[in-house]
Amino acid sequence: SLLKIKVPVVVTLAEKKQSLGQIGEMGPGMIIQFEKSCEELLELEVGGRKIAAGEAGEVARIERS
């Protein structure tokens, strides 16, 4: 059935292109700056097509001991 077909689902926070030299210089604790503000919407892609945009939210999880 069509409902059982698996497609990639991607949520993009931000994108940035860098040279291989810049990537090779990366190390633990390095900060990457993006041009996109953290207040901007996230993009949702399904099967390589952008289908929606939305805000990030926080989900609280309570574990009982």
C-alpha atoms as a PDB file:
ATOM      1  CA  SER A   1       0.000   0.000   0.000  1.00  0.00           C
ATOM      2  CA  LEU A   2       1.104   3.595  -0.577  1.00  0.00           C
ATOM      3  CA  LEU A   3       0.914   4.352   3.144  1.00  0.00           C
ATOM      4  CA  LYS A   4       3.787   1.912   3.821  1.00  0.00           C
ATOM      5  CA  ILE A   5       6.286   3.565   1.436  1.00  0.00           C
ATOM      6  CA  LYS A   6       9.204   5.120   3.342  1.00  0.00           C
ATOM      7  CA  VAL A   7      10.461   8.553   2.282  1.00  0.00           C
ATOM      8  CA  PRO A   8      13.179  10.735   3.824  1.00  0.00           C
ATOM      9  CA  VAL A   9      11.878  13.434   6.191  1.00  0.00           C
ATOM     10  CA  VAL A  10      14.318  16.305   6.859  1.00  0.00           C
ATOM     11  CA  VAL A  11      13.990  19.317   9.167  1.00  0.00           C
ATOM     12  CA  THR A  12      16.569  21.994   8.369  1.00  0.00           C
ATOM     13  CA  LEU A  13      17.677  24.390  11.081  1.00  0.00           C
ATOM     14  CA  ALA A  14      20.244  26.175   8.897  1.00  0.00           C
ATOM     15  CA  GLU A  15      22.671  25.511   6.043  1.00  0.00           C
ATOM     16  CA  LYS A  16      26.158  26.700   5.285  1.00  0.00           C
ATOM     17  CA  LYS A  17      28.666  25.899   2.550  1.00  0.00           C
ATOM     18  CA  GLN A  18      32.326  25.640   3.559  1.00  0.00           C
ATOM     19  CA  SER A  19      35.478  24.611   1.761  1.00  0.00           C
ATOM     20  CA  LEU A  20      37.102  21.269   2.518  1.00  0.00           C
ATOM     21  CA  GLY A  21      39.999  23.219   4.060  1.00  0.00           C
ATOM     22  CA  GLN A  22      37.660  24.938   6.532  1.00  0.00           C
ATOM     23  CA  ILE A  23      36.000  21.624   7.394  1.00  0.00           C
ATOM     24  CA  GLY A  24      39.418  20.024   7.934  1.00  0.00           C
ATOM     25  CA  GLU A  25      40.304  22.765  10.420  1.00  0.00           C
ATOM     26  CA  MET A  26      37.233  22.073  12.567  1.00  0.00           C
ATOM     27  CA  GLY A  27      37.762  20.635  16.003  1.00  0.00           C
ATOM     28  CA  PRO A  28      35.924  19.987  19.260  1.00  0.00           C
ATOM     29  CA  GLY A  29      34.286  23.096  20.697  1.00  0.00           C
ATOM     30  CA  MET A  30      34.477  25.048  17.425  1.00  0.00           C
ATOM     31  CA  ILE A  31      31.530  27.372  16.803  1.00  0.00           C
ATOM     32  CA  ILE A  32      29.937  27.562  13.360  1.00  0.00           C
ATOM     33  CA  GLN A  33      28.030  30.769  12.675  1.00  0.00           C
ATOM     34  CA  PHE A  34      25.026  30.717  10.356  1.00  0.00           C
ATOM     35  CA  GLU A  35      23.334  33.616   8.604  1.00  0.00           C
ATOM     36  CA  LYS A  36      19.883  32.353   9.617  1.00  0.00           C
ATOM     37  CA  SER A  37      18.503  33.684  12.898  1.00  0.00           C
ATOM     38  CA  CYS A  38      17.317  31.205  15.525  1.00  0.00           C
ATOM     39  CA  GLU A  39      13.920  32.959  15.431  1.00  0.00           C
ATOM     40  CA  GLU A  40      13.369  32.049  11.757  1.00  0.00           C
ATOM     41  CA  LEU A  41      11.143  29.131  10.798  1.00  0.00           C
ATOM     42  CA  LEU A  42      12.471  25.606  10.314  1.00  0.00           C
ATOM     43  CA  GLU A  43      11.878  23.982   6.925  1.00  0.00           C
ATOM     44  CA  LEU A  44      10.306  20.532   6.574  1.00  0.00           C
ATOM     45  CA  GLU A  45      11.158  18.469   3.491  1.00  0.00           C
ATOM     46  CA  VAL A  46       9.598  15.159   2.532  1.00  0.00           C
ATOM     47  CA  GLY A  47      11.082  13.239  -0.367  1.00  0.00           C
ATOM     48  CA  GLY A  48      13.262  16.225  -1.290  1.00  0.00           C
ATOM     49  CA  ARG A  49      10.359  18.697  -1.517  1.00  0.00           C
ATOM     50  CA  LYS A  50       9.769  21.530   0.932  1.00  0.00           C
ATOM     51  CA  ILE A  51       6.233  21.056   2.203  1.00  0.00           C
ATOM     52  CA  ALA A  52       6.038  23.176   5.352  1.00  0.00           C
ATOM     53  CA  ALA A  53       7.741  25.578   7.734  1.00  0.00           C
ATOM     54  CA  GLY A  54       7.324  25.837  11.470  1.00  0.00           C
ATOM     55  CA  GLU A  55       8.779  26.822  14.807  1.00  0.00           C
ATOM     56  CA  ALA A  56      10.896  24.679  17.088  1.00  0.00           C
ATOM     57  CA  GLY A  57       9.306  23.836  20.413  1.00  0.00           C
ATOM     58  CA  GLU A  58      10.302  22.248  23.669  1.00  0.00           C
ATOM     59  CA  VAL A  59       8.921  18.989  24.945  1.00  0.00           C
ATOM     60  CA  ALA A  60       9.316  18.215  28.629  1.00  0.00           C
ATOM     61  CA  ARG A  61       9.803  14.606  29.592  1.00  0.00           C
ATOM     62  CA  ILE A  62       9.216  13.515  33.152  1.00  0.00           C
ATOM     63  CA  GLU A  63      10.660  10.215  34.293  1.00  0.00           C
ATOM     64  CA  ARG A  64       9.440   8.526  37.428  1.00  0.00           C
ATOM     65  CA  SER A  65      11.884   6.833  39.748  1.00  0.00           C
END
